[in-house]
Amino acid sequence: DPDGAGVGPKAEREAFAEGDPLSL
C-alpha cells in the first residue's frame, strides 16, 4: 500500500484477516 507506512503486502494482510497471523 503506497499510503501505509510499514504495512505488509496485500496477500499477507489477507492472511491475517483469515486468522493466520503466524504466517506474517
mmCIF file of all heavy atoms, coordinates in Angstrom:
data_MODEL
# 
_entry.id   MODEL 
# 
loop_
_atom_site.group_PDB 
_atom_site.id 
_atom_site.type_symbol 
_atom_site.label_atom_id 
_atom_site.label_alt_id 
_atom_site.label_comp_id 
_atom_site.label_asym_id 
_atom_site.label_entity_id 
_atom_site.label_seq_id 
_atom_site.pdbx_PDB_ins_code 
_atom_site.Cartn_x 
_atom_site.Cartn_y 
_atom_site.Cartn_z 
_atom_site.occupancy 
_atom_site.B_iso_or_equiv 
_atom_site.pdbx_formal_charge 
_atom_site.auth_seq_id 
_atom_site.auth_comp_id 
_atom_site.auth_asym_id 
_atom_site.auth_atom_id 
_atom_site.pdbx_PDB_model_num 
ATOM 1   N N   . ASP A 1 1  ? 0.857  -1.188  0.000  1.00 0.00 ? 1  ASP A N   1 
ATOM 2   C CA  . ASP A 1 1  ? 0.000  0.000   0.000  1.00 0.00 ? 1  ASP A CA  1 
ATOM 3   C C   . ASP A 1 1  ? 0.884  1.226   0.000  1.00 0.00 ? 1  ASP A C   1 
ATOM 4   O O   . ASP A 1 1  ? 1.642  1.457   0.942  1.00 0.00 ? 1  ASP A O   1 
ATOM 5   C CB  . ASP A 1 1  ? -0.895 -0.015  1.253  1.00 0.00 ? 1  ASP A CB  1 
ATOM 6   C CG  . ASP A 1 1  ? -1.937 1.077   1.198  1.00 0.00 ? 1  ASP A CG  1 
ATOM 7   O OD1 . ASP A 1 1  ? -1.828 1.954   0.337  1.00 0.00 ? 1  ASP A OD1 1 
ATOM 8   O OD2 . ASP A 1 1  ? -2.858 1.033   2.044  1.00 0.00 ? 1  ASP A OD2 1 
ATOM 9   N N   . PRO A 1 2  ? 0.831  2.062   -1.055 1.00 0.00 ? 2  PRO A N   1 
ATOM 10  C CA  . PRO A 1 2  ? 1.742  3.207   -1.098 1.00 0.00 ? 2  PRO A CA  1 
ATOM 11  C C   . PRO A 1 2  ? 1.468  4.233   -0.007 1.00 0.00 ? 2  PRO A C   1 
ATOM 12  O O   . PRO A 1 2  ? 2.320  5.048   0.313  1.00 0.00 ? 2  PRO A O   1 
ATOM 13  C CB  . PRO A 1 2  ? 1.493  3.806   -2.488 1.00 0.00 ? 2  PRO A CB  1 
ATOM 14  C CG  . PRO A 1 2  ? 0.110  3.369   -2.846 1.00 0.00 ? 2  PRO A CG  1 
ATOM 15  C CD  . PRO A 1 2  ? -0.061 2.022   -2.228 1.00 0.00 ? 2  PRO A CD  1 
ATOM 16  N N   . ASP A 1 3  ? 0.242  4.238   0.558  1.00 0.00 ? 3  ASP A N   1 
ATOM 17  C CA  . ASP A 1 3  ? -0.079 5.232   1.585  1.00 0.00 ? 3  ASP A CA  1 
ATOM 18  C C   . ASP A 1 3  ? 0.141  4.724   2.992  1.00 0.00 ? 3  ASP A C   1 
ATOM 19  O O   . ASP A 1 3  ? -0.029 5.480   3.952  1.00 0.00 ? 3  ASP A O   1 
ATOM 20  C CB  . ASP A 1 3  ? -1.552 5.661   1.460  1.00 0.00 ? 3  ASP A CB  1 
ATOM 21  C CG  . ASP A 1 3  ? -1.797 6.350   0.131  1.00 0.00 ? 3  ASP A CG  1 
ATOM 22  O OD1 . ASP A 1 3  ? -0.870 7.019   -0.339 1.00 0.00 ? 3  ASP A OD1 1 
ATOM 23  O OD2 . ASP A 1 3  ? -2.913 6.197   -0.414 1.00 0.00 ? 3  ASP A OD2 1 
ATOM 24  N N   . GLY A 1 4  ? 0.481  3.462   3.190  1.00 0.00 ? 4  GLY A N   1 
ATOM 25  C CA  . GLY A 1 4  ? 0.630  2.916   4.530  1.00 0.00 ? 4  GLY A CA  1 
ATOM 26  C C   . GLY A 1 4  ? 2.082  2.692   4.867  1.00 0.00 ? 4  GLY A C   1 
ATOM 27  O O   . GLY A 1 4  ? 2.793  1.960   4.192  1.00 0.00 ? 4  GLY A O   1 
ATOM 28  N N   . ALA A 1 5  ? 2.550  3.324   5.925  1.00 0.00 ? 5  ALA A N   1 
ATOM 29  C CA  . ALA A 1 5  ? 3.936  3.169   6.347  1.00 0.00 ? 5  ALA A CA  1 
ATOM 30  C C   . ALA A 1 5  ? 4.066  1.879   7.135  1.00 0.00 ? 5  ALA A C   1 
ATOM 31  O O   . ALA A 1 5  ? 3.405  1.679   8.143  1.00 0.00 ? 5  ALA A O   1 
ATOM 32  C CB  . ALA A 1 5  ? 4.363  4.352   7.202  1.00 0.00 ? 5  ALA A CB  1 
ATOM 33  N N   . GLY A 1 6  ? 4.952  0.993   6.681  1.00 0.00 ? 6  GLY A N   1 
ATOM 34  C CA  . GLY A 1 6  ? 5.188  -0.242  7.408  1.00 0.00 ? 6  GLY A CA  1 
ATOM 35  C C   . GLY A 1 6  ? 4.082  -1.251  7.250  1.00 0.00 ? 6  GLY A C   1 
ATOM 36  O O   . GLY A 1 6  ? 3.955  -2.160  8.053  1.00 0.00 ? 6  GLY A O   1 
ATOM 37  N N   . VAL A 1 7  ? 3.225  -1.107  6.208  1.00 0.00 ? 7  VAL A N   1 
ATOM 38  C CA  . VAL A 1 7  ? 2.122  -2.024  6.015  1.00 0.00 ? 7  VAL A CA  1 
ATOM 39  C C   . VAL A 1 7  ? 2.565  -3.129  5.081  1.00 0.00 ? 7  VAL A C   1 
ATOM 40  O O   . VAL A 1 7  ? 3.170  -2.869  4.040  1.00 0.00 ? 7  VAL A O   1 
ATOM 41  C CB  . VAL A 1 7  ? 0.898  -1.286  5.453  1.00 0.00 ? 7  VAL A CB  1 
ATOM 42  C CG1 . VAL A 1 7  ? -0.257 -2.255  5.263  1.00 0.00 ? 7  VAL A CG1 1 
ATOM 43  C CG2 . VAL A 1 7  ? 0.501  -0.177  6.405  1.00 0.00 ? 7  VAL A CG2 1 
ATOM 44  N N   . GLY A 1 8  ? 2.231  -4.373  5.402  1.00 0.00 ? 8  GLY A N   1 
ATOM 45  C CA  . GLY A 1 8  ? 2.714  -5.513  4.642  1.00 0.00 ? 8  GLY A CA  1 
ATOM 46  C C   . GLY A 1 8  ? 2.009  -5.686  3.316  1.00 0.00 ? 8  GLY A C   1 
ATOM 47  O O   . GLY A 1 8  ? 1.077  -4.956  2.980  1.00 0.00 ? 8  GLY A O   1 
ATOM 48  N N   . PRO A 1 9  ? 2.432  -6.654  2.522  1.00 0.00 ? 9  PRO A N   1 
ATOM 49  C CA  . PRO A 1 9  ? 1.800  -6.911  1.238  1.00 0.00 ? 9  PRO A CA  1 
ATOM 50  C C   . PRO A 1 9  ? 0.345  -7.293  1.410  1.00 0.00 ? 9  PRO A C   1 
ATOM 51  O O   . PRO A 1 9  ? -0.100 -7.716  2.471  1.00 0.00 ? 9  PRO A O   1 
ATOM 52  C CB  . PRO A 1 9  ? 2.630  -8.061  0.660  1.00 0.00 ? 9  PRO A CB  1 
ATOM 53  C CG  . PRO A 1 9  ? 3.920  -8.027  1.411  1.00 0.00 ? 9  PRO A CG  1 
ATOM 54  C CD  . PRO A 1 9  ? 3.603  -7.508  2.759  1.00 0.00 ? 9  PRO A CD  1 
ATOM 55  N N   . LYS A 1 10 ? -0.375 -7.133  0.310  1.00 0.00 ? 10 LYS A N   1 
ATOM 56  C CA  . LYS A 1 10 ? -1.803 -7.408  0.350  1.00 0.00 ? 10 LYS A CA  1 
ATOM 57  C C   . LYS A 1 10 ? -2.094 -8.855  0.726  1.00 0.00 ? 10 LYS A C   1 
ATOM 58  O O   . LYS A 1 10 ? -2.998 -9.149  1.508  1.00 0.00 ? 10 LYS A O   1 
ATOM 59  C CB  . LYS A 1 10 ? -2.410 -7.068  -1.009 1.00 0.00 ? 10 LYS A CB  1 
ATOM 60  C CG  . LYS A 1 10 ? -3.898 -7.307  -1.103 1.00 0.00 ? 10 LYS A CG  1 
ATOM 61  C CD  . LYS A 1 10 ? -4.408 -6.918  -2.469 1.00 0.00 ? 10 LYS A CD  1 
ATOM 62  C CE  . LYS A 1 10 ? -5.901 -7.184  -2.579 1.00 0.00 ? 10 LYS A CE  1 
ATOM 63  N NZ  . LYS A 1 10 ? -6.406 -6.818  -3.928 1.00 0.00 ? 10 LYS A NZ  1 
ATOM 64  N N   . ALA A 1 11 ? -1.298 -9.792  0.172  1.00 0.00 ? 11 ALA A N   1 
ATOM 65  C CA  . ALA A 1 11 ? -1.520 -11.212 0.465  1.00 0.00 ? 11 ALA A CA  1 
ATOM 66  C C   . ALA A 1 11 ? -1.337 -11.493 1.949  1.00 0.00 ? 11 ALA A C   1 
ATOM 67  O O   . ALA A 1 11 ? -2.074 -12.287 2.539  1.00 0.00 ? 11 ALA A O   1 
ATOM 68  C CB  . ALA A 1 11 ? -0.568 -12.065 -0.366 1.00 0.00 ? 11 ALA A CB  1 
ATOM 69  N N   . GLU A 1 12 ? -0.361 -10.837 2.558  1.00 0.00 ? 12 GLU A N   1 
ATOM 70  C CA  . GLU A 1 12 ? -0.123 -11.087 3.979  1.00 0.00 ? 12 GLU A CA  1 
ATOM 71  C C   . GLU A 1 12 ? -1.206 -10.454 4.833  1.00 0.00 ? 12 GLU A C   1 
ATOM 72  O O   . GLU A 1 12 ? -1.584 -10.975 5.878  1.00 0.00 ? 12 GLU A O   1 
ATOM 73  C CB  . GLU A 1 12 ? 1.262  -10.551 4.355  1.00 0.00 ? 12 GLU A CB  1 
ATOM 74  C CG  . GLU A 1 12 ? 2.388  -11.326 3.679  1.00 0.00 ? 12 GLU A CG  1 
ATOM 75  C CD  . GLU A 1 12 ? 3.750  -10.872 4.142  1.00 0.00 ? 12 GLU A CD  1 
ATOM 76  O OE1 . GLU A 1 12 ? 3.842  -9.719  4.602  1.00 0.00 ? 12 GLU A OE1 1 
ATOM 77  O OE2 . GLU A 1 12 ? 4.696  -11.649 4.061  1.00 0.00 ? 12 GLU A OE2 1 
ATOM 78  N N   . ARG A 1 13 ? -1.749 -9.320  4.397  1.00 0.00 ? 13 ARG A N   1 
ATOM 79  C CA  . ARG A 1 13 ? -2.843 -8.705  5.148  1.00 0.00 ? 13 ARG A CA  1 
ATOM 80  C C   . ARG A 1 13 ? -4.078 -9.610  5.090  1.00 0.00 ? 13 ARG A C   1 
ATOM 81  O O   . ARG A 1 13 ? -4.821 -9.745  6.059  1.00 0.00 ? 13 ARG A O   1 
ATOM 82  C CB  . ARG A 1 13 ? -3.170 -7.316  4.587  1.00 0.00 ? 13 ARG A CB  1 
ATOM 83  C CG  . ARG A 1 13 ? -2.032 -6.309  4.757  1.00 0.00 ? 13 ARG A CG  1 
ATOM 84  C CD  . ARG A 1 13 ? -2.544 -4.878  4.635  1.00 0.00 ? 13 ARG A CD  1 
ATOM 85  N NE  . ARG A 1 13 ? -3.265 -4.658  3.390  1.00 0.00 ? 13 ARG A NE  1 
ATOM 86  C CZ  . ARG A 1 13 ? -2.682 -4.279  2.255  1.00 0.00 ? 13 ARG A CZ  1 
ATOM 87  N NH1 . ARG A 1 13 ? -1.370 -4.108  2.227  1.00 0.00 ? 13 ARG A NH1 1 
ATOM 88  N NH2 . ARG A 1 13 ? -3.407 -4.077  1.177  1.00 0.00 ? 13 ARG A NH2 1 
ATOM 89  N N   . GLU A 1 14 ? -4.296 -10.227 3.910  1.00 0.00 ? 14 GLU A N   1 
ATOM 90  C CA  . GLU A 1 14 ? -5.421 -11.151 3.809  1.00 0.00 ? 14 GLU A CA  1 
ATOM 91  C C   . GLU A 1 14 ? -5.219 -12.382 4.681  1.00 0.00 ? 14 GLU A C   1 
ATOM 92  O O   . GLU A 1 14 ? -6.165 -12.926 5.249  1.00 0.00 ? 14 GLU A O   1 
ATOM 93  C CB  . GLU A 1 14 ? -5.609 -11.555 2.351  1.00 0.00 ? 14 GLU A CB  1 
ATOM 94  C CG  . GLU A 1 14 ? -6.080 -10.410 1.455  1.00 0.00 ? 14 GLU A CG  1 
ATOM 95  C CD  . GLU A 1 14 ? -6.166 -10.830 0.007  1.00 0.00 ? 14 GLU A CD  1 
ATOM 96  O OE1 . GLU A 1 14 ? -5.702 -11.953 -0.298 1.00 0.00 ? 14 GLU A OE1 1 
ATOM 97  O OE2 . GLU A 1 14 ? -6.693 -10.039 -0.811 1.00 0.00 ? 14 GLU A OE2 1 
ATOM 98  N N   . ALA A 1 15 ? -3.958 -12.805 4.816  1.00 0.00 ? 15 ALA A N   1 
ATOM 99  C CA  . ALA A 1 15 ? -3.681 -13.953 5.686  1.00 0.00 ? 15 ALA A CA  1 
ATOM 100 C C   . ALA A 1 15 ? -4.018 -13.627 7.134  1.00 0.00 ? 15 ALA A C   1 
ATOM 101 O O   . ALA A 1 15 ? -4.544 -14.458 7.876  1.00 0.00 ? 15 ALA A O   1 
ATOM 102 C CB  . ALA A 1 15 ? -2.213 -14.366 5.549  1.00 0.00 ? 15 ALA A CB  1 
ATOM 103 N N   . PHE A 1 16 ? -3.734 -12.415 7.543  1.00 0.00 ? 16 PHE A N   1 
ATOM 104 C CA  . PHE A 1 16 ? -4.076 -12.022 8.909  1.00 0.00 ? 16 PHE A CA  1 
ATOM 105 C C   . PHE A 1 16 ? -5.593 -11.978 9.088  1.00 0.00 ? 16 PHE A C   1 
ATOM 106 O O   . PHE A 1 16 ? -6.129 -12.396 10.118 1.00 0.00 ? 16 PHE A O   1 
ATOM 107 C CB  . PHE A 1 16 ? -3.466 -10.657 9.213  1.00 0.00 ? 16 PHE A CB  1 
ATOM 108 C CG  . PHE A 1 16 ? -3.780 -10.157 10.604 1.00 0.00 ? 16 PHE A CG  1 
ATOM 109 C CD1 . PHE A 1 16 ? -3.019 -10.565 11.681 1.00 0.00 ? 16 PHE A CD1 1 
ATOM 110 C CD2 . PHE A 1 16 ? -4.839 -9.290  10.825 1.00 0.00 ? 16 PHE A CD2 1 
ATOM 111 C CE1 . PHE A 1 16 ? -3.304 -10.106 12.953 1.00 0.00 ? 16 PHE A CE1 1 
ATOM 112 C CE2 . PHE A 1 16 ? -5.122 -8.837  12.087 1.00 0.00 ? 16 PHE A CE2 1 
ATOM 113 C CZ  . PHE A 1 16 ? -4.350 -9.241  13.156 1.00 0.00 ? 16 PHE A CZ  1 
ATOM 114 N N   . ALA A 1 17 ? -6.296 -11.471 8.075  1.00 0.00 ? 17 ALA A N   1 
ATOM 115 C CA  . ALA A 1 17 ? -7.744 -11.383 8.181  1.00 0.00 ? 17 ALA A CA  1 
ATOM 116 C C   . ALA A 1 17 ? -8.393 -12.754 8.236  1.00 0.00 ? 17 ALA A C   1 
ATOM 117 O O   . ALA A 1 17 ? -9.459 -12.926 8.826  1.00 0.00 ? 17 ALA A O   1 
ATOM 118 C CB  . ALA A 1 17 ? -8.306 -10.579 7.002  1.00 0.00 ? 17 ALA A CB  1 
ATOM 119 N N   . GLU A 1 18 ? -7.727 -13.776 7.598  1.00 0.00 ? 18 GLU A N   1 
ATOM 120 C CA  . GLU A 1 18 ? -8.289 -15.120 7.604  1.00 0.00 ? 18 GLU A CA  1 
ATOM 121 C C   . GLU A 1 18 ? -7.932 -15.898 8.863  1.00 0.00 ? 18 GLU A C   1 
ATOM 122 O O   . GLU A 1 18 ? -8.225 -17.084 8.976  1.00 0.00 ? 18 GLU A O   1 
ATOM 123 C CB  . GLU A 1 18 ? -7.790 -15.865 6.368  1.00 0.00 ? 18 GLU A CB  1 
ATOM 124 C CG  . GLU A 1 18 ? -8.337 -15.283 5.058  1.00 0.00 ? 18 GLU A CG  1 
ATOM 125 C CD  . GLU A 1 18 ? -7.723 -15.953 3.859  1.00 0.00 ? 18 GLU A CD  1 
ATOM 126 O OE1 . GLU A 1 18 ? -6.842 -16.834 4.081  1.00 0.00 ? 18 GLU A OE1 1 
ATOM 127 O OE2 . GLU A 1 18 ? -8.088 -15.624 2.715  1.00 0.00 ? 18 GLU A OE2 1 
ATOM 128 N N   . GLY A 1 19 ? -7.255 -15.240 9.827  1.00 0.00 ? 19 GLY A N   1 
ATOM 129 C CA  . GLY A 1 19 ? -6.975 -15.897 11.097 1.00 0.00 ? 19 GLY A CA  1 
ATOM 130 C C   . GLY A 1 19 ? -5.664 -16.619 11.150 1.00 0.00 ? 19 GLY A C   1 
ATOM 131 O O   . GLY A 1 19 ? -5.509 -17.547 11.948 1.00 0.00 ? 19 GLY A O   1 
ATOM 132 N N   . ASP A 1 20 ? -4.705 -16.279 10.298 1.00 0.00 ? 20 ASP A N   1 
ATOM 133 C CA  . ASP A 1 20 ? -3.403 -16.945 10.307 1.00 0.00 ? 20 ASP A CA  1 
ATOM 134 C C   . ASP A 1 20 ? -2.305 -15.901 10.513 1.00 0.00 ? 20 ASP A C   1 
ATOM 135 O O   . ASP A 1 20 ? -1.501 -15.640 9.626  1.00 0.00 ? 20 ASP A O   1 
ATOM 136 C CB  . ASP A 1 20 ? -3.175 -17.687 8.992  1.00 0.00 ? 20 ASP A CB  1 
ATOM 137 C CG  . ASP A 1 20 ? -1.918 -18.569 9.059  1.00 0.00 ? 20 ASP A CG  1 
ATOM 138 O OD1 . ASP A 1 20 ? -1.438 -18.789 10.184 1.00 0.00 ? 20 ASP A OD1 1 
ATOM 139 O OD2 . ASP A 1 20 ? -1.446 -19.004 8.001  1.00 0.00 ? 20 ASP A OD2 1 
ATOM 140 N N   . PRO A 1 21 ? -2.278 -15.238 11.690 1.00 0.00 ? 21 PRO A N   1 
ATOM 141 C CA  . PRO A 1 21 ? -1.294 -14.185 11.911 1.00 0.00 ? 21 PRO A CA  1 
ATOM 142 C C   . PRO A 1 21 ? 0.128  -14.709 12.008 1.00 0.00 ? 21 PRO A C   1 
ATOM 143 O O   . PRO A 1 21 ? 1.082  -13.964 11.801 1.00 0.00 ? 21 PRO A O   1 
ATOM 144 C CB  . PRO A 1 21 ? -1.745 -13.543 13.231 1.00 0.00 ? 21 PRO A CB  1 
ATOM 145 C CG  . PRO A 1 21 ? -2.471 -14.634 13.938 1.00 0.00 ? 21 PRO A CG  1 
ATOM 146 C CD  . PRO A 1 21 ? -3.143 -15.444 12.875 1.00 0.00 ? 21 PRO A CD  1 
ATOM 147 N N   . LEU A 1 22 ? 0.323  -16.019 12.292 1.00 0.00 ? 22 LEU A N   1 
ATOM 148 C CA  . LEU A 1 22 ? 1.684  -16.535 12.436 1.00 0.00 ? 22 LEU A CA  1 
ATOM 149 C C   . LEU A 1 22 ? 2.415  -16.592 11.107 1.00 0.00 ? 22 LEU A C   1 
ATOM 150 O O   . LEU A 1 22 ? 3.643  -16.709 11.066 1.00 0.00 ? 22 LEU A O   1 
ATOM 151 C CB  . LEU A 1 22 ? 1.645  -17.927 13.072 1.00 0.00 ? 22 LEU A CB  1 
ATOM 152 C CG  . LEU A 1 22 ? 1.089  -17.983 14.501 1.00 0.00 ? 22 LEU A CG  1 
ATOM 153 C CD1 . LEU A 1 22 ? 1.104  -19.426 15.008 1.00 0.00 ? 22 LEU A CD1 1 
ATOM 154 C CD2 . LEU A 1 22 ? 1.908  -17.094 15.426 1.00 0.00 ? 22 LEU A CD2 1 
ATOM 155 N N   . SER A 1 23 ? 1.637  -16.547 9.999  1.00 0.00 ? 23 SER A N   1 
ATOM 156 C CA  . SER A 1 23 ? 2.278  -16.610 8.693  1.00 0.00 ? 23 SER A CA  1 
ATOM 157 C C   . SER A 1 23 ? 2.836  -15.268 8.251  1.00 0.00 ? 23 SER A C   1 
ATOM 158 O O   . SER A 1 23 ? 3.444  -15.187 7.197  1.00 0.00 ? 23 SER A O   1 
ATOM 159 C CB  . SER A 1 23 ? 1.266  -17.105 7.649  1.00 0.00 ? 23 SER A CB  1 
ATOM 160 O OG  . SER A 1 23 ? 0.189  -16.176 7.531  1.00 0.00 ? 23 SER A OG  1 
ATOM 161 N N   . LEU A 1 24 ? 2.614  -14.219 9.052  1.00 0.00 ? 24 LEU A N   1 
ATOM 162 C CA  . LEU A 1 24 ? 3.094  -12.898 8.656  1.00 0.00 ? 24 LEU A CA  1 
ATOM 163 C C   . LEU A 1 24 ? 4.587  -12.784 8.893  1.00 0.00 ? 24 LEU A C   1 
ATOM 164 O O   . LEU A 1 24 ? 5.136  -13.364 9.820  1.00 0.00 ? 24 LEU A O   1 
ATOM 165 C CB  . LEU A 1 24 ? 2.362  -11.805 9.457  1.00 0.00 ? 24 LEU A CB  1 
ATOM 166 C CG  . LEU A 1 24 ? 0.843  -11.753 9.275  1.00 0.00 ? 24 LEU A CG  1 
ATOM 167 C CD1 . LEU A 1 24 ? 0.274  -10.635 10.110 1.00 0.00 ? 24 LEU A CD1 1 
ATOM 168 C CD2 . LEU A 1 24 ? 0.459  -11.592 7.823  1.00 0.00 ? 24 LEU A CD2 1 
# 
